[in-house]
Amino acid sequence: MGSVTQCACGVALSSDQRFCGACGKAVPTEISRFCPSCGQQLVAGQPFCPGCGAHSGTAKPFTNVPPLTQRRSVSLPPDTDFGTPDYSNLDPYYRAEFDQIAETEEIYKGKWNWAAFIFGGIWALTKGLWLPALIAFGGAFFTGGVVGVIYWLVFGARGNYMYYSKIVKQKDIPF
């Protein structure tokens, strides 16, 4: 049996144990380690890193990593909202449509889009709607143009919502 050490909870542990039987924390296996989050040197048995507060008593103990020479930090404005996509770079027409679709919780599907109707699959390709464009072009090829005409109508009627789904939900919907 290996040497005896003490867990942070006070229970005596042998060096061949991987986890404390009383609290479930990982048994420190090294005399000194480095925190992978900030590079601060740690002493075995410390439950938290004194440099950044990362918890060291997980089932996966810290490993020896070289100290970080530089820390990168990212500062975000306090009003940053990750749930709301930013479509401020779009034309005012699409911003207004997207706002209205979002405000009605997608009950409103967008108004008739003349550009999408007139240019059809080309419009879809310029907006990154690959699936509906492929259906329109492929269907038109295999049906003698029938599916292409149908998709002109689909793009006109549902184009704004299809584009909204692509931008906001990152989903390419077929119609």
N, C-alpha and C. Protein backbone atom coordinates (compact mmCIF):
# COMPACT_ATOMS: atom_id res chain seq x y z
N MET A 1 0.84 -1.17 0.00
CA MET A 1 0.00 0.00 0.00
C MET A 1 0.88 1.23 0.00
N GLY A 2 0.50 2.30 -0.74
CA GLY A 2 1.31 3.51 -0.87
C GLY A 2 1.24 4.38 0.37
N SER A 3 1.81 5.56 0.26
CA SER A 3 1.84 6.49 1.38
C SER A 3 0.45 7.02 1.68
N VAL A 4 0.26 7.53 2.88
CA VAL A 4 -1.04 8.01 3.33
C VAL A 4 -1.06 9.54 3.24
N THR A 5 -2.15 10.07 2.69
CA THR A 5 -2.38 11.52 2.63
C THR A 5 -3.78 11.79 3.14
N GLN A 6 -4.14 13.04 3.24
CA GLN A 6 -5.45 13.39 3.77
C GLN A 6 -6.25 14.12 2.71
N CYS A 7 -7.53 13.75 2.59
CA CYS A 7 -8.44 14.41 1.66
C CYS A 7 -8.84 15.76 2.24
N ALA A 8 -9.36 16.63 1.41
CA ALA A 8 -9.84 17.93 1.88
C ALA A 8 -10.97 17.80 2.89
N CYS A 9 -11.69 16.67 2.85
CA CYS A 9 -12.78 16.46 3.81
C CYS A 9 -12.28 15.90 5.15
N GLY A 10 -10.99 15.56 5.23
CA GLY A 10 -10.40 15.09 6.48
C GLY A 10 -10.17 13.60 6.56
N VAL A 11 -10.61 12.83 5.59
CA VAL A 11 -10.45 11.38 5.60
C VAL A 11 -9.03 11.02 5.14
N ALA A 12 -8.41 10.06 5.83
CA ALA A 12 -7.07 9.59 5.44
C ALA A 12 -7.18 8.73 4.19
N LEU A 13 -6.29 8.98 3.23
CA LEU A 13 -6.30 8.28 1.96
C LEU A 13 -4.93 7.70 1.68
N SER A 14 -4.91 6.57 0.99
CA SER A 14 -3.63 6.02 0.56
C SER A 14 -3.35 6.51 -0.85
N SER A 15 -2.11 6.52 -1.27
CA SER A 15 -1.74 7.06 -2.57
C SER A 15 -2.24 6.20 -3.73
N ASP A 16 -2.64 4.96 -3.47
CA ASP A 16 -3.15 4.13 -4.57
C ASP A 16 -4.65 4.32 -4.79
N GLN A 17 -5.31 5.14 -3.96
CA GLN A 17 -6.72 5.44 -4.17
C GLN A 17 -6.84 6.55 -5.21
N ARG A 18 -7.85 6.43 -6.07
CA ARG A 18 -8.07 7.48 -7.08
C ARG A 18 -9.12 8.48 -6.63
N PHE A 19 -10.06 8.03 -5.77
CA PHE A 19 -11.12 8.91 -5.30
C PHE A 19 -11.33 8.69 -3.81
N CYS A 20 -11.78 9.72 -3.13
CA CYS A 20 -12.09 9.63 -1.71
C CYS A 20 -13.39 8.85 -1.55
N GLY A 21 -13.38 7.85 -0.68
CA GLY A 21 -14.58 7.05 -0.45
C GLY A 21 -15.64 7.79 0.34
N ALA A 22 -15.28 8.86 1.05
CA ALA A 22 -16.23 9.59 1.87
C ALA A 22 -16.95 10.70 1.09
N CYS A 23 -16.20 11.48 0.30
CA CYS A 23 -16.81 12.62 -0.38
C CYS A 23 -16.83 12.49 -1.90
N GLY A 24 -16.09 11.52 -2.46
CA GLY A 24 -16.08 11.29 -3.89
C GLY A 24 -15.12 12.17 -4.68
N LYS A 25 -14.37 13.00 -3.99
CA LYS A 25 -13.43 13.87 -4.69
C LYS A 25 -12.24 13.06 -5.18
N ALA A 26 -11.63 13.56 -6.25
CA ALA A 26 -10.44 12.91 -6.79
C ALA A 26 -9.30 13.07 -5.80
N VAL A 27 -8.54 12.02 -5.66
CA VAL A 27 -7.39 12.03 -4.76
C VAL A 27 -6.24 12.74 -5.48
N PRO A 28 -5.62 13.71 -4.84
CA PRO A 28 -4.47 14.37 -5.48
C PRO A 28 -3.38 13.35 -5.75
N THR A 29 -2.88 13.35 -6.98
CA THR A 29 -1.86 12.37 -7.34
C THR A 29 -0.48 12.99 -7.48
N GLU A 30 -0.39 14.28 -7.39
CA GLU A 30 0.89 14.94 -7.56
C GLU A 30 1.10 15.94 -6.42
N ILE A 31 2.33 16.23 -6.11
CA ILE A 31 2.63 17.20 -5.06
C ILE A 31 2.25 18.59 -5.52
N SER A 32 2.63 18.96 -6.69
CA SER A 32 2.22 20.25 -7.22
C SER A 32 1.73 20.07 -8.63
N ARG A 33 0.71 20.81 -8.95
CA ARG A 33 0.11 20.76 -10.27
C ARG A 33 -0.13 22.18 -10.75
N PHE A 34 -0.54 22.30 -12.00
CA PHE A 34 -0.87 23.59 -12.54
C PHE A 34 -2.33 23.58 -12.98
N CYS A 35 -3.03 24.66 -12.71
CA CYS A 35 -4.42 24.81 -13.11
C CYS A 35 -4.48 24.98 -14.62
N PRO A 36 -5.28 24.17 -15.33
CA PRO A 36 -5.37 24.32 -16.78
C PRO A 36 -6.13 25.58 -17.19
N SER A 37 -6.90 26.15 -16.26
CA SER A 37 -7.66 27.36 -16.59
C SER A 37 -6.78 28.60 -16.60
N CYS A 38 -5.93 28.75 -15.57
CA CYS A 38 -5.15 29.98 -15.47
C CYS A 38 -3.65 29.76 -15.36
N GLY A 39 -3.19 28.52 -15.13
CA GLY A 39 -1.77 28.24 -15.04
C GLY A 39 -1.17 28.40 -13.65
N GLN A 40 -2.00 28.75 -12.67
CA GLN A 40 -1.53 28.92 -11.29
C GLN A 40 -1.05 27.58 -10.75
N GLN A 41 0.09 27.58 -10.01
CA GLN A 41 0.59 26.35 -9.42
C GLN A 41 -0.30 25.97 -8.25
N LEU A 42 -0.65 24.69 -8.18
CA LEU A 42 -1.53 24.18 -7.14
C LEU A 42 -0.76 23.25 -6.22
N VAL A 43 -1.23 23.16 -5.01
CA VAL A 43 -0.68 22.21 -4.04
C VAL A 43 -1.71 21.10 -3.92
N ALA A 44 -1.25 19.85 -3.83
CA ALA A 44 -2.15 18.71 -3.73
C ALA A 44 -3.11 18.89 -2.56
N GLY A 45 -4.35 18.57 -2.78
CA GLY A 45 -5.36 18.65 -1.74
C GLY A 45 -6.15 19.94 -1.76
N GLN A 46 -5.75 20.92 -2.55
CA GLN A 46 -6.51 22.16 -2.63
C GLN A 46 -7.79 21.89 -3.43
N PRO A 47 -8.96 22.19 -2.85
CA PRO A 47 -10.18 21.94 -3.61
C PRO A 47 -10.42 22.96 -4.71
N PHE A 48 -9.84 24.16 -4.58
CA PHE A 48 -10.04 25.20 -5.59
C PHE A 48 -8.72 25.85 -5.94
N CYS A 49 -8.63 26.33 -7.15
CA CYS A 49 -7.43 27.04 -7.60
C CYS A 49 -7.42 28.42 -6.95
N PRO A 50 -6.30 28.82 -6.32
CA PRO A 50 -6.25 30.14 -5.71
C PRO A 50 -6.16 31.27 -6.74
N GLY A 51 -5.84 30.94 -7.99
CA GLY A 51 -5.71 31.96 -9.01
C GLY A 51 -7.02 32.34 -9.68
N CYS A 52 -7.84 31.33 -10.00
CA CYS A 52 -9.09 31.62 -10.74
C CYS A 52 -10.33 31.02 -10.10
N GLY A 53 -10.16 30.17 -9.09
CA GLY A 53 -11.31 29.58 -8.40
C GLY A 53 -11.85 28.32 -9.04
N ALA A 54 -11.17 27.79 -10.05
CA ALA A 54 -11.63 26.55 -10.68
C ALA A 54 -11.60 25.42 -9.66
N HIS A 55 -12.58 24.54 -9.70
CA HIS A 55 -12.68 23.44 -8.75
C HIS A 55 -11.73 22.32 -9.14
N SER A 56 -10.92 21.88 -8.23
CA SER A 56 -9.96 20.82 -8.55
C SER A 56 -10.39 19.46 -8.03
N GLY A 57 -11.53 19.36 -7.38
CA GLY A 57 -11.96 18.08 -6.81
C GLY A 57 -12.95 17.35 -7.68
N THR A 58 -12.78 17.40 -8.97
CA THR A 58 -13.68 16.69 -9.86
C THR A 58 -13.17 15.27 -10.08
N ALA A 59 -13.95 14.48 -10.75
CA ALA A 59 -13.55 13.11 -11.03
C ALA A 59 -12.36 13.07 -12.00
N LYS A 60 -12.12 14.15 -12.70
CA LYS A 60 -11.01 14.22 -13.64
C LYS A 60 -9.99 15.21 -13.06
N PRO A 61 -8.96 14.72 -12.36
CA PRO A 61 -8.05 15.65 -11.70
C PRO A 61 -7.26 16.48 -12.70
N PHE A 62 -6.79 17.64 -12.19
CA PHE A 62 -5.96 18.50 -13.01
C PHE A 62 -4.72 17.73 -13.45
N THR A 63 -4.22 18.05 -14.59
CA THR A 63 -3.00 17.41 -15.09
C THR A 63 -1.87 18.43 -15.08
N ASN A 64 -0.67 17.95 -15.21
CA ASN A 64 0.46 18.88 -15.29
C ASN A 64 0.44 19.54 -16.66
N VAL A 65 0.19 20.83 -16.65
CA VAL A 65 0.25 21.61 -17.87
C VAL A 65 1.17 22.78 -17.60
N PRO A 66 1.87 23.23 -18.59
CA PRO A 66 2.76 24.36 -18.35
C PRO A 66 1.95 25.60 -18.00
N PRO A 67 2.50 26.49 -17.18
CA PRO A 67 1.76 27.71 -16.84
C PRO A 67 1.53 28.55 -18.10
N LEU A 68 0.40 29.20 -18.12
CA LEU A 68 0.08 30.03 -19.27
C LEU A 68 0.90 31.32 -19.21
N THR A 69 1.49 31.67 -20.32
CA THR A 69 2.28 32.90 -20.34
C THR A 69 1.41 34.11 -20.61
N GLN A 70 0.29 33.87 -21.29
CA GLN A 70 -0.63 34.96 -21.57
C GLN A 70 -2.05 34.47 -21.31
N ARG A 71 -2.84 35.34 -20.75
CA ARG A 71 -4.26 35.03 -20.57
C ARG A 71 -5.05 35.87 -21.54
N ARG A 72 -5.95 35.24 -22.22
CA ARG A 72 -6.83 35.98 -23.11
C ARG A 72 -8.14 36.20 -22.39
N SER A 73 -8.61 37.41 -22.41
CA SER A 73 -9.91 37.68 -21.83
C SER A 73 -10.75 38.41 -22.86
N VAL A 74 -12.02 38.13 -22.83
CA VAL A 74 -12.94 38.75 -23.75
C VAL A 74 -13.93 39.55 -22.93
N SER A 75 -14.05 40.81 -23.26
CA SER A 75 -15.00 41.66 -22.57
C SER A 75 -16.21 41.86 -23.47
N LEU A 76 -17.37 41.54 -22.95
CA LEU A 76 -18.61 41.72 -23.69
C LEU A 76 -19.39 42.85 -23.05
N PRO A 77 -20.13 43.61 -23.84
CA PRO A 77 -20.95 44.65 -23.25
C PRO A 77 -21.99 44.04 -22.32
N PRO A 78 -22.39 44.77 -21.27
CA PRO A 78 -23.33 44.19 -20.30
C PRO A 78 -24.68 43.84 -20.89
N ASP A 79 -25.08 44.47 -21.99
CA ASP A 79 -26.39 44.18 -22.57
C ASP A 79 -26.34 43.11 -23.65
N THR A 80 -25.26 42.34 -23.71
CA THR A 80 -25.13 41.28 -24.71
C THR A 80 -26.18 40.21 -24.45
N ASP A 81 -26.93 39.89 -25.48
CA ASP A 81 -27.98 38.87 -25.37
C ASP A 81 -27.68 37.80 -26.41
N PHE A 82 -27.32 36.60 -25.95
CA PHE A 82 -26.98 35.53 -26.86
C PHE A 82 -28.21 34.88 -27.46
N GLY A 83 -29.40 35.13 -26.91
CA GLY A 83 -30.61 34.52 -27.42
C GLY A 83 -31.19 35.24 -28.62
N THR A 84 -30.82 36.50 -28.84
CA THR A 84 -31.37 37.27 -29.93
C THR A 84 -30.34 37.39 -31.04
N PRO A 85 -30.65 36.85 -32.22
CA PRO A 85 -29.68 36.95 -33.31
C PRO A 85 -29.59 38.40 -33.80
N ASP A 86 -28.44 38.76 -34.29
CA ASP A 86 -28.21 40.10 -34.80
C ASP A 86 -28.40 40.09 -36.31
N TYR A 87 -29.44 40.74 -36.77
CA TYR A 87 -29.65 40.86 -38.20
C TYR A 87 -29.67 42.34 -38.59
N SER A 88 -28.90 43.13 -37.85
CA SER A 88 -28.82 44.56 -38.14
C SER A 88 -28.11 44.86 -39.45
N ASN A 89 -27.37 43.92 -39.98
CA ASN A 89 -26.66 44.12 -41.24
C ASN A 89 -27.55 43.87 -42.46
N LEU A 90 -28.79 43.43 -42.26
CA LEU A 90 -29.70 43.16 -43.37
C LEU A 90 -30.39 44.45 -43.82
N ASP A 91 -31.01 44.38 -44.98
CA ASP A 91 -31.79 45.51 -45.49
C ASP A 91 -32.92 45.83 -44.52
N PRO A 92 -33.35 47.10 -44.47
CA PRO A 92 -34.46 47.48 -43.57
C PRO A 92 -35.73 46.66 -43.82
N TYR A 93 -35.97 46.28 -45.08
CA TYR A 93 -37.14 45.46 -45.40
C TYR A 93 -37.12 44.16 -44.60
N TYR A 94 -35.98 43.45 -44.62
CA TYR A 94 -35.88 42.17 -43.93
C TYR A 94 -35.83 42.35 -42.41
N ARG A 95 -35.21 43.41 -41.93
CA ARG A 95 -35.21 43.67 -40.49
C ARG A 95 -36.63 43.85 -39.98
N ALA A 96 -37.45 44.63 -40.71
CA ALA A 96 -38.84 44.84 -40.30
C ALA A 96 -39.63 43.54 -40.34
N GLU A 97 -39.43 42.76 -41.40
CA GLU A 97 -40.13 41.48 -41.52
C GLU A 97 -39.71 40.53 -40.39
N PHE A 98 -38.42 40.42 -40.13
CA PHE A 98 -37.91 39.52 -39.10
C PHE A 98 -38.42 39.94 -37.72
N ASP A 99 -38.44 41.25 -37.46
CA ASP A 99 -38.96 41.73 -36.19
C ASP A 99 -40.42 41.35 -36.02
N GLN A 100 -41.21 41.53 -37.07
CA GLN A 100 -42.63 41.20 -37.00
C GLN A 100 -42.84 39.69 -36.83
N ILE A 101 -42.06 38.88 -37.51
CA ILE A 101 -42.17 37.43 -37.35
C ILE A 101 -41.83 37.03 -35.92
N ALA A 102 -40.75 37.61 -35.37
CA ALA A 102 -40.34 37.28 -34.00
C ALA A 102 -41.35 37.78 -32.98
N GLU A 103 -41.89 38.98 -33.17
CA GLU A 103 -42.86 39.55 -32.22
C GLU A 103 -44.13 38.73 -32.14
N THR A 104 -44.54 38.12 -33.24
CA THR A 104 -45.76 37.31 -33.24
C THR A 104 -45.48 35.85 -32.91
N GLU A 105 -44.25 35.58 -32.46
CA GLU A 105 -43.82 34.21 -32.14
C GLU A 105 -44.03 33.28 -33.33
N GLU A 106 -43.72 33.77 -34.51
CA GLU A 106 -43.75 33.06 -35.78
C GLU A 106 -45.16 32.68 -36.26
N ILE A 107 -46.17 33.34 -35.73
CA ILE A 107 -47.52 33.15 -36.27
C ILE A 107 -47.60 33.85 -37.62
N TYR A 108 -47.07 35.08 -37.66
CA TYR A 108 -46.96 35.82 -38.92
C TYR A 108 -45.79 35.22 -39.69
N LYS A 109 -46.01 34.85 -40.94
CA LYS A 109 -44.98 34.18 -41.73
C LYS A 109 -44.34 35.09 -42.77
N GLY A 110 -44.63 36.36 -42.72
CA GLY A 110 -44.04 37.29 -43.68
C GLY A 110 -45.01 37.61 -44.80
N LYS A 111 -44.82 38.79 -45.40
CA LYS A 111 -45.69 39.19 -46.51
C LYS A 111 -45.10 38.72 -47.84
N TRP A 112 -45.85 38.95 -48.89
CA TRP A 112 -45.43 38.56 -50.23
C TRP A 112 -44.12 39.25 -50.57
N ASN A 113 -43.17 38.50 -51.12
CA ASN A 113 -41.86 39.02 -51.47
C ASN A 113 -41.73 38.98 -52.99
N TRP A 114 -41.85 40.16 -53.62
CA TRP A 114 -41.80 40.22 -55.07
C TRP A 114 -40.44 39.82 -55.62
N ALA A 115 -39.37 40.22 -54.97
CA ALA A 115 -38.02 39.86 -55.44
C ALA A 115 -37.84 38.35 -55.44
N ALA A 116 -38.31 37.70 -54.38
CA ALA A 116 -38.19 36.24 -54.28
C ALA A 116 -39.06 35.56 -55.35
N PHE A 117 -40.23 36.14 -55.64
CA PHE A 117 -41.11 35.58 -56.66
C PHE A 117 -40.50 35.73 -58.05
N ILE A 118 -40.00 36.92 -58.37
CA ILE A 118 -39.49 37.18 -59.72
C ILE A 118 -38.21 36.40 -60.00
N PHE A 119 -37.30 36.38 -59.02
CA PHE A 119 -35.99 35.75 -59.25
C PHE A 119 -35.92 34.30 -58.75
N GLY A 120 -36.90 33.84 -58.01
CA GLY A 120 -37.02 32.44 -57.60
C GLY A 120 -35.78 31.82 -57.00
N GLY A 121 -35.28 30.79 -57.66
CA GLY A 121 -34.13 30.04 -57.15
C GLY A 121 -32.86 30.88 -57.06
N ILE A 122 -32.70 31.85 -57.95
CA ILE A 122 -31.53 32.74 -57.89
C ILE A 122 -31.58 33.54 -56.59
N TRP A 123 -32.77 34.08 -56.28
CA TRP A 123 -32.94 34.81 -55.02
C TRP A 123 -32.58 33.90 -53.84
N ALA A 124 -33.06 32.67 -53.86
CA ALA A 124 -32.79 31.74 -52.76
C ALA A 124 -31.29 31.49 -52.61
N LEU A 125 -30.60 31.33 -53.72
CA LEU A 125 -29.15 31.12 -53.65
C LEU A 125 -28.44 32.33 -53.06
N THR A 126 -28.87 33.55 -53.41
CA THR A 126 -28.22 34.75 -52.87
C THR A 126 -28.47 34.90 -51.38
N LYS A 127 -29.51 34.28 -50.87
CA LYS A 127 -29.81 34.35 -49.43
C LYS A 127 -29.27 33.14 -48.67
N GLY A 128 -28.60 32.22 -49.35
CA GLY A 128 -28.04 31.05 -48.69
C GLY A 128 -29.04 29.94 -48.44
N LEU A 129 -30.16 29.99 -49.12
CA LEU A 129 -31.20 28.96 -48.97
C LEU A 129 -30.92 27.84 -49.97
N TRP A 130 -29.98 27.00 -49.64
CA TRP A 130 -29.51 25.97 -50.57
C TRP A 130 -30.53 24.88 -50.81
N LEU A 131 -31.19 24.42 -49.76
CA LEU A 131 -32.16 23.32 -49.91
C LEU A 131 -33.33 23.71 -50.81
N PRO A 132 -34.02 24.83 -50.54
CA PRO A 132 -35.14 25.17 -51.44
C PRO A 132 -34.68 25.49 -52.87
N ALA A 133 -33.49 26.07 -53.02
CA ALA A 133 -32.98 26.34 -54.37
C ALA A 133 -32.72 25.03 -55.11
N LEU A 134 -32.14 24.07 -54.42
CA LEU A 134 -31.88 22.76 -55.03
C LEU A 134 -33.19 22.08 -55.42
N ILE A 135 -34.19 22.16 -54.56
CA ILE A 135 -35.49 21.57 -54.88
C ILE A 135 -36.10 22.26 -56.09
N ALA A 136 -36.02 23.60 -56.12
CA ALA A 136 -36.61 24.34 -57.24
C ALA A 136 -35.92 24.00 -58.56
N PHE A 137 -34.58 24.04 -58.57
CA PHE A 137 -33.86 23.76 -59.82
C PHE A 137 -33.93 22.29 -60.20
N GLY A 138 -33.71 21.40 -59.24
CA GLY A 138 -33.76 19.97 -59.53
C GLY A 138 -35.15 19.52 -59.91
N GLY A 139 -36.14 20.01 -59.18
CA GLY A 139 -37.53 19.66 -59.50
C GLY A 139 -37.95 20.17 -60.85
N ALA A 140 -37.53 21.38 -61.19
CA ALA A 140 -37.86 21.94 -62.50
C ALA A 140 -37.22 21.13 -63.61
N PHE A 141 -36.02 20.68 -63.39
CA PHE A 141 -35.32 19.88 -64.41
C PHE A 141 -36.03 18.55 -64.65
N PHE A 142 -36.42 17.88 -63.55
CA PHE A 142 -37.00 16.55 -63.69
C PHE A 142 -38.50 16.54 -64.01
N THR A 143 -39.17 17.68 -63.85
CA THR A 143 -40.62 17.72 -64.11
C THR A 143 -40.98 18.63 -65.27
N GLY A 144 -40.00 19.01 -66.05
CA GLY A 144 -40.29 19.87 -67.19
C GLY A 144 -40.69 21.28 -66.79
N GLY A 145 -40.26 21.73 -65.65
CA GLY A 145 -40.53 23.10 -65.20
C GLY A 145 -41.68 23.27 -64.24
N VAL A 146 -42.46 22.23 -64.03
CA VAL A 146 -43.65 22.34 -63.16
C VAL A 146 -43.25 22.72 -61.74
N VAL A 147 -42.28 22.03 -61.15
CA VAL A 147 -41.86 22.31 -59.77
C VAL A 147 -41.22 23.70 -59.69
N GLY A 148 -40.54 24.12 -60.74
CA GLY A 148 -39.95 25.46 -60.77
C GLY A 148 -41.00 26.54 -60.66
N VAL A 149 -42.11 26.38 -61.38
CA VAL A 149 -43.21 27.34 -61.32
C VAL A 149 -43.85 27.33 -59.93
N ILE A 150 -44.02 26.14 -59.38
CA ILE A 150 -44.59 26.03 -58.02
C ILE A 150 -43.69 26.73 -57.03
N TYR A 151 -42.38 26.54 -57.18
CA TYR A 151 -41.45 27.17 -56.23
C TYR A 151 -41.34 28.68 -56.43
N TRP A 152 -41.67 29.20 -57.62
CA TRP A 152 -41.76 30.66 -57.75
C TRP A 152 -42.82 31.19 -56.79
N LEU A 153 -43.93 30.47 -56.75
CA LEU A 153 -45.01 30.88 -55.84
C LEU A 153 -44.61 30.69 -54.37
N VAL A 154 -43.94 29.59 -54.08
CA VAL A 154 -43.48 29.33 -52.71
C VAL A 154 -42.52 30.42 -52.27
N PHE A 155 -41.56 30.77 -53.11
CA PHE A 155 -40.60 31.82 -52.74
C PHE A 155 -41.31 33.15 -52.52
N GLY A 156 -42.29 33.47 -53.36
CA GLY A 156 -43.02 34.72 -53.18
C GLY A 156 -43.81 34.75 -51.89
N ALA A 157 -44.51 33.66 -51.59
CA ALA A 157 -45.37 33.61 -50.41
C ALA A 157 -44.60 33.34 -49.12
N ARG A 158 -43.62 32.48 -49.15
CA ARG A 158 -42.93 32.05 -47.93
C ARG A 158 -41.46 32.46 -47.87
N GLY A 159 -41.00 33.21 -48.86
CA GLY A 159 -39.58 33.56 -48.93
C GLY A 159 -39.06 34.27 -47.69
N ASN A 160 -39.84 35.23 -47.17
CA ASN A 160 -39.38 35.96 -45.98
C ASN A 160 -39.23 35.03 -44.79
N TYR A 161 -40.17 34.11 -44.60
CA TYR A 161 -40.07 33.18 -43.47
C TYR A 161 -38.94 32.17 -43.69
N MET A 162 -38.73 31.74 -44.91
CA MET A 162 -37.63 30.81 -45.19
C MET A 162 -36.30 31.48 -44.87
N TYR A 163 -36.17 32.74 -45.26
CA TYR A 163 -34.94 33.49 -45.00
C TYR A 163 -34.78 33.74 -43.49
N TYR A 164 -35.89 34.05 -42.82
CA TYR A 164 -35.88 34.23 -41.36
C TYR A 164 -35.39 32.95 -40.67
N SER A 165 -35.88 31.80 -41.09
CA SER A 165 -35.46 30.53 -40.50
C SER A 165 -33.98 30.29 -40.71
N LYS A 166 -33.47 30.66 -41.86
CA LYS A 166 -32.05 30.47 -42.16
C LYS A 166 -31.19 31.37 -41.28
N ILE A 167 -31.57 32.62 -41.12
CA ILE A 167 -30.77 33.58 -40.36
C ILE A 167 -30.92 33.36 -38.86
N VAL A 168 -32.14 33.25 -38.38
CA VAL A 168 -32.40 33.20 -36.94
C VAL A 168 -32.21 31.81 -36.37
N LYS A 169 -32.71 30.80 -37.04
CA LYS A 169 -32.65 29.44 -36.51
C LYS A 169 -31.55 28.59 -37.11
N GLN A 170 -30.85 29.11 -38.11
CA GLN A 170 -29.84 28.37 -38.86
C GLN A 170 -30.41 27.08 -39.44
N LYS A 171 -31.64 27.14 -39.93
CA LYS A 171 -32.31 25.98 -40.53
C LYS A 171 -32.71 26.31 -41.95
N ASP A 172 -32.41 25.43 -42.85
CA ASP A 172 -32.82 25.55 -44.24
C ASP A 172 -34.12 24.76 -44.37
N ILE A 173 -35.25 25.47 -44.44
CA ILE A 173 -36.53 24.76 -44.57
C ILE A 173 -36.92 24.68 -46.04
N PRO A 174 -37.55 23.59 -46.46
CA PRO A 174 -37.85 23.42 -47.88
C PRO A 174 -38.97 24.31 -48.40
N PHE A 175 -39.90 24.74 -47.54
CA PHE A 175 -40.99 25.63 -47.98
C PHE A 175 -41.55 26.37 -46.80
